[in-house]
Amino acid sequence: MTQSRDHSGTESGVTAETTDSRTPHVQVAAAVAEAHRREWAFVLATTVRVTRDLDLAQECVQDAYAQALGHWTRDGVPARPVAWLTTVARNRALDLLRHHSTMRRTLPLLIEDDHTEDIADSAVTALTQIPDDRLRLICTCCHPALSLEAQVALTLRLVCGLSTAEVARAFLVGEPTMAARITRAKKKIAAARIPYRVPGPAELPDRIDAVLTVVHLLFTTGHTAPAGADLIRRDLTERATDLARMLHTLLPENPDVTGLLALILLTDARRAARTGADGTMLRLSEQDRTRWDRAQITEGIALVRAALNGTPGRYALQAAIAAVHAEAAGYADTDWPEIAGLYDVLIQVWPSPVVALNRAVAVGMAEGPEAGLSALAELSAEPQLAGYGYLPAARAHFLAELGRTREARLAYEEALLLTENAAERAFLTARAAELGE
């Protein structure tokens, strides 16, 4: 049992994997990077409960990860890295709060002290009803005083641990633009002295749209990673699934919550079949459907039916589209006209450029490549799609089907310029190579 004490007040008491020799630096760096990917949100959310201040919590968590590089090299990687990091961050926060009682300077209280007169009974109730620190913090950051876009961007960046570049891609804007938006949102919080606290049950409906958007974008970012070697980031998809299940437990009658959980389950059910044995990305037509998770599909379809009662929202409609794919016995059996029709309804409920792009693809699959190209041409002037690689990739697919090889090759080259994920780049390169000379 290793005991480490330093100025931060660390006393982890967590068994290390090795204690008799220094762990190679490269191994430690990899362990710290993995812990950052998987556990940043949990460590931050737990530390906030001590600091009541997001900026201070971030500072303490960053310090904990920095300390890990040295301590783990000397003492070995702990058997439970998240426990080690949480302990170090918490003790660092307690030290700072003891020695600097005025540290709450840049952001107001995130969770009001239980002993203050201002805390509402409903907030105390909510603390016990929201079972996960990460979900508590997401609900807290999605404050209605901020614009919906600012709530979602700030939460994805600070709470969910996405990089500014990843958040920017989710919103289809440039990284400098997103960085400026996040900075403005933090300044507004500080200037307005917004009293952040855990929302009570009666307040959740006012925040649920932002919370669902956060969880959805978290899932989509993990489902197809914006960059890196792997197509899928399991840490993000699993976190989003867990959060969606928690929300459904809290609000089982909310059709949007039900629809989002259904969408995540049905989409994630195809995960094992999306890549080949060598990690290459596969077309939907190439996927082995016996590898689709039938238990998730059964659960997802039942949730879709519940979510579609009454007026369907955007998540229920997207889940219904995913259900059409899931219920097809084979790729050739896919009911593309039904999918195109569902997109027609979805675009009225949620007029998004990405929805319009997906609708255009569905039209092309249902009515032929010429119809698909025509629908895509209508989106060519859409500024939010200017840097979106899926638009030229879709155009390349339909051009190839029509035998317009030169134009298809140029479209694939454009898509490659806009794609950073290695698995997607390999997929596009292979499709271009199939065109021949």
Protein backbone atom coordinates (compact mmCIF):
# COMPACT_ATOMS: atom_id res chain seq x y z
CA MET A 1 0.00 0.00 0.00
CA THR A 2 1.60 3.24 -1.07
CA GLN A 3 1.01 6.40 0.92
CA SER A 4 2.01 9.65 -0.77
CA ARG A 5 1.85 13.00 0.99
CA ASP A 6 2.85 16.35 -0.41
CA HIS A 7 1.77 19.98 -0.31
CA SER A 8 -1.49 19.12 -2.09
CA GLY A 9 -2.57 17.00 0.87
CA THR A 10 -2.47 13.78 -1.14
CA GLU A 11 -2.99 10.59 0.81
CA SER A 12 -4.34 8.25 -1.77
CA GLY A 13 -3.95 4.91 -0.08
CA VAL A 14 -4.41 3.25 -3.49
CA THR A 15 -2.38 0.15 -4.33
CA ALA A 16 -0.01 0.63 -7.24
CA GLU A 17 0.67 -1.97 -9.87
CA THR A 18 4.43 -1.70 -9.37
CA THR A 19 6.39 -0.27 -6.45
CA ASP A 20 9.83 -1.79 -6.74
CA SER A 21 11.05 0.06 -9.82
CA ARG A 22 10.23 3.10 -11.84
CA THR A 23 7.46 2.54 -14.38
CA PRO A 24 8.58 3.46 -17.93
CA HIS A 25 7.58 7.02 -18.75
CA VAL A 26 5.82 6.01 -21.96
CA GLN A 27 3.63 3.56 -20.03
CA VAL A 28 2.74 6.21 -17.47
CA ALA A 29 2.00 8.79 -20.15
CA ALA A 30 -0.35 6.31 -21.84
CA ALA A 31 -2.10 5.56 -18.53
CA VAL A 32 -2.56 9.26 -17.78
CA ALA A 33 -3.88 9.90 -21.28
CA GLU A 34 -6.36 7.03 -20.96
CA ALA A 35 -7.49 8.26 -17.54
CA HIS A 36 -7.99 11.72 -19.02
CA ARG A 37 -10.10 10.34 -21.85
CA ARG A 38 -12.27 8.16 -19.66
CA GLU A 39 -12.39 9.82 -16.26
CA TRP A 40 -11.91 13.60 -16.66
CA ALA A 41 -15.63 14.32 -16.35
CA PHE A 42 -16.03 12.13 -13.27
CA VAL A 43 -12.99 13.61 -11.47
CA LEU A 44 -14.07 17.17 -12.29
CA ALA A 45 -17.68 16.61 -11.24
CA THR A 46 -16.58 15.07 -7.94
CA THR A 47 -14.14 17.90 -7.24
CA VAL A 48 -16.79 20.55 -7.91
CA ARG A 49 -18.74 19.20 -4.96
CA VAL A 50 -15.83 20.30 -2.77
CA THR A 51 -14.91 23.60 -4.43
CA ARG A 52 -18.42 24.80 -5.45
CA ASP A 53 -16.42 26.63 -8.17
CA LEU A 54 -15.87 25.26 -11.67
CA ASP A 55 -12.68 27.18 -12.44
CA LEU A 56 -11.10 26.15 -9.15
CA ALA A 57 -12.16 22.56 -9.68
CA GLN A 58 -10.59 22.56 -13.15
CA GLU A 59 -7.35 23.92 -11.70
CA CYS A 60 -7.25 21.18 -9.05
CA VAL A 61 -8.05 18.39 -11.51
CA GLN A 62 -5.42 19.60 -13.98
CA ASP A 63 -2.93 19.65 -11.12
CA ALA A 64 -3.87 16.07 -10.20
CA TYR A 65 -3.23 14.83 -13.74
CA ALA A 66 0.10 16.70 -13.80
CA GLN A 67 1.11 15.11 -10.50
CA ALA A 68 0.16 11.68 -11.81
CA LEU A 69 2.99 11.75 -14.35
CA GLY A 70 5.60 12.04 -11.60
CA HIS A 71 3.99 9.92 -8.89
CA TRP A 72 3.02 7.06 -11.19
CA THR A 73 6.49 6.95 -12.73
CA ARG A 74 8.00 6.65 -9.25
CA ASP A 75 5.38 4.50 -7.48
CA GLY A 76 3.68 2.66 -10.34
CA VAL A 77 0.30 3.15 -11.97
CA PRO A 78 -2.42 2.74 -9.32
CA ALA A 79 -4.82 -0.17 -9.58
CA ARG A 80 -7.64 2.39 -9.48
CA PRO A 81 -6.38 5.51 -11.30
CA VAL A 82 -9.68 7.39 -10.98
CA ALA A 83 -9.65 6.98 -7.18
CA TRP A 84 -6.09 8.29 -7.04
CA LEU A 85 -6.88 11.29 -9.24
CA THR A 86 -10.08 12.12 -7.37
CA THR A 87 -8.30 11.98 -4.01
CA VAL A 88 -5.44 14.20 -5.18
CA ALA A 89 -7.80 16.74 -6.78
CA ARG A 90 -10.06 16.83 -3.73
CA ASN A 91 -7.20 17.25 -1.27
CA ARG A 92 -5.66 19.96 -3.43
CA ALA A 93 -9.00 21.76 -3.39
CA LEU A 94 -9.30 21.47 0.39
CA ASP A 95 -5.79 22.89 0.81
CA LEU A 96 -6.57 25.85 -1.43
CA LEU A 97 -9.89 26.52 0.27
CA ARG A 98 -8.25 26.37 3.71
CA HIS A 99 -5.46 28.76 2.80
CA HIS A 100 -7.35 31.02 0.41
CA SER A 101 -10.90 31.59 1.60
CA THR A 102 -11.48 34.03 -1.26
CA MET A 103 -10.66 31.59 -4.05
CA ARG A 104 -14.25 31.68 -5.39
CA ARG A 105 -13.51 34.53 -7.72
CA THR A 106 -14.20 33.75 -11.37
CA LEU A 107 -17.41 31.73 -11.26
CA PRO A 108 -20.26 31.81 -8.74
CA LEU A 109 -21.25 28.83 -6.63
CA LEU A 110 -22.10 25.83 -8.77
CA ILE A 111 -23.86 24.03 -5.95
CA GLU A 112 -25.04 26.17 -3.07
CA ASP A 113 -23.94 25.18 0.42
CA ASP A 114 -26.46 23.00 2.22
CA HIS A 115 -26.17 25.31 5.24
CA THR A 116 -27.04 28.57 3.47
CA GLU A 117 -30.49 30.06 3.76
CA ASP A 118 -30.82 30.36 -0.01
CA ILE A 119 -30.90 26.66 -0.86
CA ALA A 120 -34.34 25.39 -1.82
CA ASP A 121 -35.83 22.14 -0.56
CA SER A 122 -36.26 21.02 -4.17
CA ALA A 123 -32.53 21.33 -4.75
CA VAL A 124 -31.83 19.06 -1.79
CA THR A 125 -34.31 16.56 -3.24
CA ALA A 126 -32.64 16.79 -6.64
CA LEU A 127 -29.27 15.96 -5.11
CA THR A 128 -30.59 12.56 -4.12
CA GLN A 129 -32.62 12.08 -7.31
CA ILE A 130 -29.73 12.68 -9.72
CA PRO A 131 -27.53 9.63 -9.06
CA ASP A 132 -24.33 10.61 -10.87
CA ASP A 133 -22.03 13.58 -10.24
CA ARG A 134 -21.48 14.03 -13.98
CA LEU A 135 -25.21 14.23 -14.66
CA ARG A 136 -25.63 16.60 -11.72
CA LEU A 137 -23.02 18.93 -13.16
CA ILE A 138 -24.46 18.75 -16.68
CA CYS A 139 -27.89 19.68 -15.34
CA THR A 140 -26.31 22.49 -13.34
CA CYS A 141 -24.34 23.96 -16.25
CA CYS A 142 -27.37 23.94 -18.54
CA HIS A 143 -28.69 27.13 -16.94
CA PRO A 144 -31.56 28.88 -18.78
CA ALA A 145 -29.90 32.29 -18.31
CA LEU A 146 -27.48 31.27 -21.07
CA SER A 147 -28.48 30.65 -24.65
CA LEU A 148 -29.11 27.00 -25.49
CA GLU A 149 -26.05 26.95 -27.74
CA ALA A 150 -23.85 28.41 -24.98
CA GLN A 151 -25.15 25.92 -22.42
CA VAL A 152 -24.41 22.96 -24.66
CA ALA A 153 -21.00 24.18 -25.84
CA LEU A 154 -19.81 25.05 -22.34
CA THR A 155 -20.99 21.75 -20.90
CA LEU A 156 -19.43 19.65 -23.67
CA ARG A 157 -16.11 21.44 -23.24
CA LEU A 158 -15.83 21.70 -19.47
CA VAL A 159 -17.90 18.83 -18.12
CA CYS A 160 -17.76 16.16 -20.83
CA GLY A 161 -14.09 16.75 -21.56
CA LEU A 162 -14.37 17.28 -25.32
CA SER A 163 -11.71 19.47 -26.89
CA THR A 164 -12.69 22.83 -28.32
CA ALA A 165 -12.06 21.39 -31.79
CA GLU A 166 -14.44 18.50 -31.11
CA VAL A 167 -17.13 20.85 -29.81
CA ALA A 168 -16.65 23.08 -32.86
CA ARG A 169 -17.11 20.12 -35.19
CA ALA A 170 -20.32 19.14 -33.39
CA PHE A 171 -21.67 22.64 -34.10
CA LEU A 172 -20.20 22.80 -37.63
CA VAL A 173 -18.19 25.96 -36.90
CA GLY A 174 -14.49 26.78 -36.80
CA GLU A 175 -12.41 26.17 -33.68
CA PRO A 176 -11.62 29.90 -33.10
CA THR A 177 -15.34 30.70 -33.32
CA MET A 178 -16.21 28.05 -30.75
CA ALA A 179 -13.38 29.10 -28.42
CA ALA A 180 -14.76 32.65 -28.46
CA ARG A 181 -18.29 31.42 -27.72
CA ILE A 182 -17.15 29.37 -24.74
CA THR A 183 -15.14 32.31 -23.38
CA ARG A 184 -18.15 34.64 -23.73
CA ALA A 185 -20.38 32.14 -21.92
CA LYS A 186 -17.98 31.91 -18.97
CA LYS A 187 -17.69 35.70 -18.81
CA LYS A 188 -21.47 36.05 -18.81
CA ILE A 189 -21.73 33.64 -15.90
CA ALA A 190 -19.12 35.60 -13.94
CA ALA A 191 -20.56 39.03 -14.77
CA ALA A 192 -24.16 38.08 -14.01
CA ARG A 193 -23.20 36.17 -10.83
CA ILE A 194 -25.58 33.42 -11.85
CA PRO A 195 -26.36 31.35 -8.73
CA TYR A 196 -25.55 27.88 -9.99
CA ARG A 197 -27.04 24.96 -8.09
CA VAL A 198 -28.50 21.55 -8.75
CA PRO A 199 -31.93 22.13 -10.32
CA GLY A 200 -34.98 20.86 -8.49
CA PRO A 201 -37.46 18.48 -10.12
CA ALA A 202 -39.74 21.36 -11.14
CA GLU A 203 -36.82 23.09 -12.89
CA LEU A 204 -35.59 20.13 -14.91
CA PRO A 205 -38.11 20.59 -17.76
CA ASP A 206 -36.63 24.04 -18.49
CA ARG A 207 -33.17 22.52 -18.83
CA ILE A 208 -33.92 19.15 -20.33
CA ASP A 209 -33.57 20.25 -23.98
CA ALA A 210 -30.01 21.44 -23.37
CA VAL A 211 -29.16 18.35 -21.30
CA LEU A 212 -30.46 16.03 -24.05
CA THR A 213 -28.52 17.95 -26.68
CA VAL A 214 -25.34 17.52 -24.63
CA VAL A 215 -25.87 13.78 -24.28
CA HIS A 216 -26.75 13.40 -27.97
CA LEU A 217 -23.68 15.31 -29.17
CA LEU A 218 -21.52 13.38 -26.72
CA PHE A 219 -22.77 10.15 -28.26
CA THR A 220 -22.38 11.27 -31.88
CA THR A 221 -18.84 12.48 -31.19
CA GLY A 222 -17.98 9.04 -29.85
CA HIS A 223 -19.94 7.13 -32.50
CA THR A 224 -17.67 8.53 -35.22
CA ALA A 225 -14.65 10.21 -33.67
CA PRO A 226 -13.71 13.51 -35.37
CA ALA A 227 -10.02 12.56 -35.37
CA GLY A 228 -7.65 9.80 -34.32
CA ALA A 229 -6.93 6.26 -35.42
CA ASP A 230 -10.15 4.61 -34.24
CA LEU A 231 -13.58 5.03 -35.80
CA ILE A 232 -15.35 4.82 -32.42
CA ARG A 233 -14.55 6.32 -29.03
CA ARG A 234 -16.08 3.82 -26.64
CA ASP A 235 -15.49 6.04 -23.62
CA LEU A 236 -17.82 8.70 -25.03
CA THR A 237 -20.52 6.36 -26.34
CA GLU A 238 -20.63 4.45 -23.06
CA ARG A 239 -20.80 7.68 -21.05
CA ALA A 240 -23.63 8.98 -23.20
CA THR A 241 -25.52 5.70 -22.87
CA ASP A 242 -25.16 5.76 -19.09
CA LEU A 243 -26.37 9.36 -18.90
CA ALA A 244 -29.34 8.66 -21.19
CA ARG A 245 -30.36 5.72 -18.99
CA MET A 246 -30.12 7.87 -15.86
CA LEU A 247 -32.28 10.57 -17.46
CA HIS A 248 -34.85 7.97 -18.47
CA THR A 249 -34.94 6.71 -14.88
CA LEU A 250 -35.53 10.27 -13.67
CA LEU A 251 -38.07 11.22 -16.35
CA PRO A 252 -39.58 7.96 -17.68
CA GLU A 253 -42.67 9.67 -19.12
CA ASN A 254 -40.76 12.33 -21.07
CA PRO A 255 -40.99 11.35 -24.78
CA ASP A 256 -37.82 13.24 -25.73
CA VAL A 257 -35.80 11.42 -23.06
CA THR A 258 -37.30 8.10 -24.16
CA GLY A 259 -36.60 8.91 -27.80
CA LEU A 260 -32.96 9.80 -27.12
CA LEU A 261 -32.32 6.56 -25.22
CA ALA A 262 -33.96 4.62 -28.06
CA LEU A 263 -31.83 6.43 -30.65
CA ILE A 264 -28.60 5.73 -28.77
CA LEU A 265 -29.40 2.05 -28.22
CA LEU A 266 -30.45 1.41 -31.83
CA THR A 267 -27.46 3.25 -33.29
CA ASP A 268 -24.95 1.71 -30.91
CA ALA A 269 -26.39 -1.78 -31.57
CA ARG A 270 -24.47 -1.78 -34.89
CA ARG A 271 -21.13 -0.95 -33.28
CA ALA A 272 -19.46 -4.39 -33.50
CA ALA A 273 -20.22 -4.70 -37.22
CA ARG A 274 -19.08 -1.21 -38.30
CA THR A 275 -15.45 -2.25 -38.74
CA GLY A 276 -13.71 -5.30 -40.11
CA ALA A 277 -11.22 -7.53 -38.29
CA ASP A 278 -8.40 -5.16 -39.29
CA GLY A 279 -10.28 -2.08 -38.06
CA THR A 280 -11.31 -0.90 -41.53
CA MET A 281 -14.63 0.92 -41.76
CA LEU A 282 -17.39 -1.02 -43.54
CA ARG A 283 -20.32 0.19 -45.62
CA LEU A 284 -23.76 -0.47 -44.18
CA SER A 285 -24.24 -2.94 -47.04
CA GLU A 286 -21.08 -4.82 -46.00
CA GLN A 287 -21.93 -5.21 -42.31
CA ASP A 288 -22.61 -8.64 -40.84
CA ARG A 289 -26.03 -8.09 -39.29
CA THR A 290 -25.69 -11.15 -37.10
CA ARG A 291 -23.21 -9.05 -35.11
CA TRP A 292 -25.78 -6.37 -34.40
CA ASP A 293 -26.85 -6.39 -30.75
CA ARG A 294 -30.37 -7.81 -30.88
CA ALA A 295 -31.05 -7.18 -27.20
CA GLN A 296 -30.35 -3.48 -27.66
CA ILE A 297 -32.47 -3.42 -30.81
CA THR A 298 -35.42 -5.04 -29.04
CA GLU A 299 -35.17 -2.58 -26.16
CA GLY A 300 -34.72 0.35 -28.52
CA ILE A 301 -37.74 -0.51 -30.67
CA ALA A 302 -39.95 -0.78 -27.57
CA LEU A 303 -38.75 2.66 -26.48
CA VAL A 304 -39.39 4.09 -29.97
CA ARG A 305 -43.00 2.96 -29.83
CA ALA A 306 -43.44 4.64 -26.46
CA ALA A 307 -41.75 7.85 -27.65
CA LEU A 308 -43.91 8.07 -30.79
CA ASN A 309 -47.15 8.27 -28.79
CA GLY A 310 -48.51 11.77 -29.25
CA THR A 311 -46.52 14.37 -31.19
CA PRO A 312 -43.08 12.91 -31.96
CA GLY A 313 -39.98 14.98 -31.24
CA ARG A 314 -36.67 14.98 -33.06
CA TYR A 315 -35.10 12.16 -31.04
CA ALA A 316 -38.13 9.90 -31.47
CA LEU A 317 -38.08 10.50 -35.23
CA GLN A 318 -34.35 9.82 -35.49
CA ALA A 319 -34.87 6.67 -33.44
CA ALA A 320 -37.66 5.62 -35.79
CA ILE A 321 -35.24 5.97 -38.72
CA ALA A 322 -32.68 3.85 -36.86
CA ALA A 323 -35.42 1.29 -36.18
CA VAL A 324 -36.16 0.94 -39.91
CA HIS A 325 -32.51 0.01 -40.48
CA ALA A 326 -32.55 -2.35 -37.50
CA GLU A 327 -35.68 -4.19 -38.62
CA ALA A 328 -34.46 -4.82 -42.19
CA ALA A 329 -33.41 -8.45 -42.62
CA GLY A 330 -30.66 -7.37 -45.03
CA TYR A 331 -29.38 -4.23 -46.68
CA ALA A 332 -31.45 -4.90 -49.81
CA ASP A 333 -34.57 -5.03 -47.63
CA THR A 334 -34.08 -1.50 -46.24
CA ASP A 335 -37.23 0.56 -46.71
CA TRP A 336 -35.59 3.70 -48.10
CA PRO A 337 -38.88 5.40 -49.07
CA GLU A 338 -40.01 5.12 -45.44
CA ILE A 339 -36.70 6.53 -44.24
CA ALA A 340 -36.95 9.44 -46.70
CA GLY A 341 -40.51 10.09 -45.50
CA LEU A 342 -39.38 10.15 -41.86
CA TYR A 343 -36.67 12.65 -42.79
CA ASP A 344 -39.34 14.81 -44.42
CA VAL A 345 -41.12 14.93 -41.06
CA LEU A 346 -37.89 15.37 -39.08
CA ILE A 347 -36.74 18.36 -41.08
CA GLN A 348 -39.99 20.13 -40.20
CA VAL A 349 -39.43 19.43 -36.51
CA TRP A 350 -35.68 20.06 -36.56
CA PRO A 351 -34.55 22.13 -39.60
CA SER A 352 -30.85 21.28 -39.41
CA PRO A 353 -28.32 21.26 -42.29
CA VAL A 354 -27.19 17.78 -41.24
CA VAL A 355 -30.78 16.52 -41.30
CA ALA A 356 -31.14 18.01 -44.78
CA LEU A 357 -27.98 16.19 -45.88
CA ASN A 358 -29.18 12.87 -44.47
CA ARG A 359 -32.55 13.40 -46.12
CA ALA A 360 -30.82 14.00 -49.48
CA VAL A 361 -28.92 10.73 -49.12
CA ALA A 362 -32.14 8.88 -48.27
CA VAL A 363 -33.85 10.42 -51.32
CA GLY A 364 -30.97 9.20 -53.49
CA MET A 365 -31.24 5.71 -52.08
CA ALA A 366 -35.02 5.66 -52.55
CA GLU A 367 -35.32 7.37 -55.93
CA GLY A 368 -31.93 6.90 -57.56
CA PRO A 369 -28.57 8.70 -57.72
CA GLU A 370 -29.79 11.54 -59.96
CA ALA A 371 -32.43 12.45 -57.39
CA GLY A 372 -29.80 12.24 -54.67
CA LEU A 373 -27.42 14.56 -56.52
CA SER A 374 -30.22 17.03 -57.12
CA ALA A 375 -31.09 17.08 -53.41
CA LEU A 376 -27.43 17.49 -52.49
CA ALA A 377 -27.00 20.35 -54.96
CA GLU A 378 -29.58 22.33 -53.01
CA LEU A 379 -27.22 22.21 -50.02
CA SER A 380 -24.06 23.33 -51.82
CA ALA A 381 -24.44 26.93 -50.64
CA GLU A 382 -25.18 26.00 -47.02
CA PRO A 383 -22.34 27.65 -45.04
CA GLN A 384 -22.49 25.17 -42.14
CA LEU A 385 -21.77 22.30 -44.54
CA ALA A 386 -18.83 24.02 -46.25
CA GLY A 387 -16.31 22.12 -44.12
CA TYR A 388 -18.38 18.99 -43.60
CA GLY A 389 -16.74 16.02 -45.29
CA TYR A 390 -19.91 13.94 -45.51
CA LEU A 391 -21.39 16.26 -48.17
CA PRO A 392 -18.69 15.64 -50.84
CA ALA A 393 -18.52 11.97 -49.76
CA ALA A 394 -22.24 11.55 -50.44
CA ARG A 395 -21.88 13.35 -53.75
CA ALA A 396 -18.96 11.09 -54.68
CA HIS A 397 -21.05 7.99 -53.95
CA PHE A 398 -23.89 9.02 -56.28
CA LEU A 399 -21.49 10.22 -58.99
CA ALA A 400 -19.73 6.85 -58.91
CA GLU A 401 -23.05 5.05 -59.28
CA LEU A 402 -23.74 7.10 -62.41
CA GLY A 403 -20.33 6.26 -63.86
CA ARG A 404 -19.12 9.88 -63.63
CA THR A 405 -15.73 8.66 -62.48
CA ARG A 406 -13.67 11.85 -62.82
CA GLU A 407 -16.18 13.93 -60.88
CA ALA A 408 -16.50 11.20 -58.25
CA ARG A 409 -12.73 11.09 -57.76
CA LEU A 410 -12.60 14.86 -57.28
CA ALA A 411 -15.43 14.65 -54.75
CA TYR A 412 -13.61 11.94 -52.80
CA GLU A 413 -10.47 14.09 -52.79
CA GLU A 414 -12.50 16.97 -51.37
CA ALA A 415 -13.96 14.72 -48.70
CA LEU A 416 -10.46 13.53 -47.75
CA LEU A 417 -9.31 17.11 -47.26
CA LEU A 418 -12.14 17.61 -44.76
CA THR A 419 -11.71 14.31 -42.87
CA GLU A 420 -9.30 13.79 -39.96
CA ASN A 421 -10.35 10.37 -38.65
CA ALA A 422 -7.90 7.75 -39.91
CA ALA A 423 -10.52 5.01 -40.31
CA GLU A 424 -12.77 7.28 -42.36
CA ARG A 425 -9.82 8.46 -44.46
CA ALA A 426 -8.89 4.85 -45.22
CA PHE A 427 -12.50 4.14 -46.17
CA LEU A 428 -12.66 7.13 -48.55
CA THR A 429 -9.28 6.29 -50.06
CA ALA A 430 -10.45 2.74 -50.75
CA ARG A 431 -13.67 3.98 -52.37
CA ALA A 432 -11.68 6.33 -54.61
CA ALA A 433 -9.31 3.51 -55.56
CA GLU A 434 -12.28 1.38 -56.64
CA LEU A 435 -12.97 3.94 -59.37
CA GLY A 436 -9.80 2.93 -61.22
CA GLU A 437 -7.86 5.22 -63.46
